[in-house]
Amino acid sequence: MTTTPPASDDAASREGLNPALHRTTDETYGKDFHGTDPMKSLSVQDTKEGDSWPAIWAIVTGICILVTLYLVVT
């Protein structure tokens, strides 16, 4: 393990593997750009939606166990 300090942060050390690539910052939208409030487009799901899935998975699991037992026994 060496104790040498890392290379300085100059342009040559930031080029990396492809010197043709340059760092850029997207300045399309400035600080004065204001879009719509994300909370206004939020749709609240029905609270009862998805309540039947645990029962469906229990039935499917039971059927799979019965089929497995049938195939093992016969």
C-alpha atoms as a PDB file:
ATOM      1  CA  MET A   1       0.000   0.000   0.000  1.00  0.00           C
ATOM      2  CA  THR A   2       1.383   3.372  -0.952  1.00  0.00           C
ATOM      3  CA  THR A   3       1.106   6.645   0.875  1.00  0.00           C
ATOM      4  CA  THR A   4       1.383   8.882  -2.162  1.00  0.00           C
ATOM      5  CA  PRO A   5      -1.345  11.504  -2.484  1.00  0.00           C
ATOM      6  CA  PRO A   6      -3.826  11.219  -5.352  1.00  0.00           C
ATOM      7  CA  ALA A   7      -3.172  13.077  -8.579  1.00  0.00           C
ATOM      8  CA  SER A   8      -4.210  16.692  -8.777  1.00  0.00           C
ATOM      9  CA  ASP A   9      -7.589  17.569 -10.217  1.00  0.00           C
ATOM     10  CA  ASP A  10      -6.458  19.159 -13.454  1.00  0.00           C
ATOM     11  CA  ALA A  11      -7.897  18.754 -16.955  1.00  0.00           C
ATOM     12  CA  ALA A  12      -5.478  15.980 -17.920  1.00  0.00           C
ATOM     13  CA  SER A  13      -6.487  13.767 -15.000  1.00  0.00           C
ATOM     14  CA  ARG A  14     -10.222  14.248 -15.654  1.00  0.00           C
ATOM     15  CA  GLU A  15     -10.100  13.154 -19.276  1.00  0.00           C
ATOM     16  CA  GLY A  16     -10.243   9.481 -18.447  1.00  0.00           C
ATOM     17  CA  LEU A  17     -10.296   6.859 -21.157  1.00  0.00           C
ATOM     18  CA  ASN A  18     -11.819   9.019 -23.872  1.00  0.00           C
ATOM     19  CA  PRO A  19     -10.257  12.476 -24.150  1.00  0.00           C
ATOM     20  CA  ALA A  20     -12.929  13.522 -26.668  1.00  0.00           C
ATOM     21  CA  LEU A  21     -15.585  13.487 -23.940  1.00  0.00           C
ATOM     22  CA  HIS A  22     -16.068  16.656 -21.955  1.00  0.00           C
ATOM     23  CA  ARG A  23     -18.092  17.267 -18.824  1.00  0.00           C
ATOM     24  CA  THR A  24     -21.187  19.322 -19.417  1.00  0.00           C
ATOM     25  CA  THR A  25     -23.968  20.521 -17.184  1.00  0.00           C
ATOM     26  CA  ASP A  26     -27.538  20.510 -18.405  1.00  0.00           C
ATOM     27  CA  GLU A  27     -28.711  24.084 -18.094  1.00  0.00           C
ATOM     28  CA  THR A  28     -31.945  23.645 -20.048  1.00  0.00           C
ATOM     29  CA  TYR A  29     -34.055  24.480 -17.030  1.00  0.00           C
ATOM     30  CA  GLY A  30     -32.826  27.226 -14.778  1.00  0.00           C
ATOM     31  CA  LYS A  31     -33.824  28.077 -11.250  1.00  0.00           C
ATOM     32  CA  ASP A  32     -36.696  30.211 -12.512  1.00  0.00           C
ATOM     33  CA  PHE A  33     -38.360  27.255 -14.310  1.00  0.00           C
ATOM     34  CA  HIS A  34     -41.465  26.094 -12.503  1.00  0.00           C
ATOM     35  CA  GLY A  35     -43.439  23.085 -13.679  1.00  0.00           C
ATOM     36  CA  THR A  36     -46.617  21.609 -12.335  1.00  0.00           C
ATOM     37  CA  ASP A  37     -46.838  20.374  -8.780  1.00  0.00           C
ATOM     38  CA  PRO A  38     -46.280  16.579  -8.796  1.00  0.00           C
ATOM     39  CA  MET A  39     -48.792  16.115  -5.988  1.00  0.00           C
ATOM     40  CA  LYS A  40     -51.574  17.522  -8.185  1.00  0.00           C
ATOM     41  CA  SER A  41     -51.151  14.726 -10.734  1.00  0.00           C
ATOM     42  CA  LEU A  42     -51.121  11.978  -8.088  1.00  0.00           C
ATOM     43  CA  SER A  43     -54.018   9.571  -8.275  1.00  0.00           C
ATOM     44  CA  VAL A  44     -55.033   7.868  -5.057  1.00  0.00           C
ATOM     45  CA  GLN A  45     -55.791   4.193  -5.455  1.00  0.00           C
ATOM     46  CA  ASP A  46     -58.835   2.557  -3.986  1.00  0.00           C
ATOM     47  CA  THR A  47     -58.069   1.249  -0.504  1.00  0.00           C
ATOM     48  CA  LYS A  48     -59.802  -2.077  -1.239  1.00  0.00           C
ATOM     49  CA  GLU A  49     -57.799  -2.633  -4.407  1.00  0.00           C
ATOM     50  CA  GLY A  50     -55.520  -5.639  -4.079  1.00  0.00           C
ATOM     51  CA  ASP A  51     -57.127  -7.062  -0.941  1.00  0.00           C
ATOM     52  CA  SER A  52     -57.966 -10.339  -2.692  1.00  0.00           C
ATOM     53  CA  TRP A  53     -54.387 -11.159  -3.770  1.00  0.00           C
ATOM     54  CA  PRO A  54     -53.335 -12.856  -0.510  1.00  0.00           C
ATOM     55  CA  ALA A  55     -56.308 -15.207  -0.809  1.00  0.00           C
ATOM     56  CA  ILE A  56     -55.536 -15.916  -4.467  1.00  0.00           C
ATOM     57  CA  TRP A  57     -51.894 -16.704  -3.655  1.00  0.00           C
ATOM     58  CA  ALA A  58     -52.958 -18.958  -0.767  1.00  0.00           C
ATOM     59  CA  ILE A  59     -55.273 -20.923  -3.088  1.00  0.00           C
ATOM     60  CA  VAL A  60     -52.615 -21.219  -5.810  1.00  0.00           C
ATOM     61  CA  THR A  61     -50.018 -22.328  -3.249  1.00  0.00           C
ATOM     62  CA  GLY A  62     -52.431 -24.929  -1.873  1.00  0.00           C
ATOM     63  CA  ILE A  63     -53.118 -26.281  -5.354  1.00  0.00           C
ATOM     64  CA  CYS A  64     -49.382 -26.474  -6.093  1.00  0.00           C
ATOM     65  CA  ILE A  65     -48.784 -28.374  -2.842  1.00  0.00           C
ATOM     66  CA  LEU A  66     -51.593 -30.821  -3.650  1.00  0.00           C
ATOM     67  CA  VAL A  67     -50.250 -31.402  -7.175  1.00  0.00           C
ATOM     68  CA  THR A  68     -46.742 -31.932  -5.778  1.00  0.00           C
ATOM     69  CA  LEU A  69     -47.995 -34.427  -3.198  1.00  0.00           C
ATOM     70  CA  TYR A  70     -49.981 -36.260  -5.887  1.00  0.00           C
ATOM     71  CA  LEU A  71     -46.938 -36.501  -8.147  1.00  0.00           C
ATOM     72  CA  VAL A  72     -44.673 -37.663  -5.298  1.00  0.00           C
ATOM     73  CA  VAL A  73     -47.114 -40.302  -4.011  1.00  0.00           C
ATOM     74  CA  THR A  74     -48.040 -41.789  -7.395  1.00  0.00           C
END
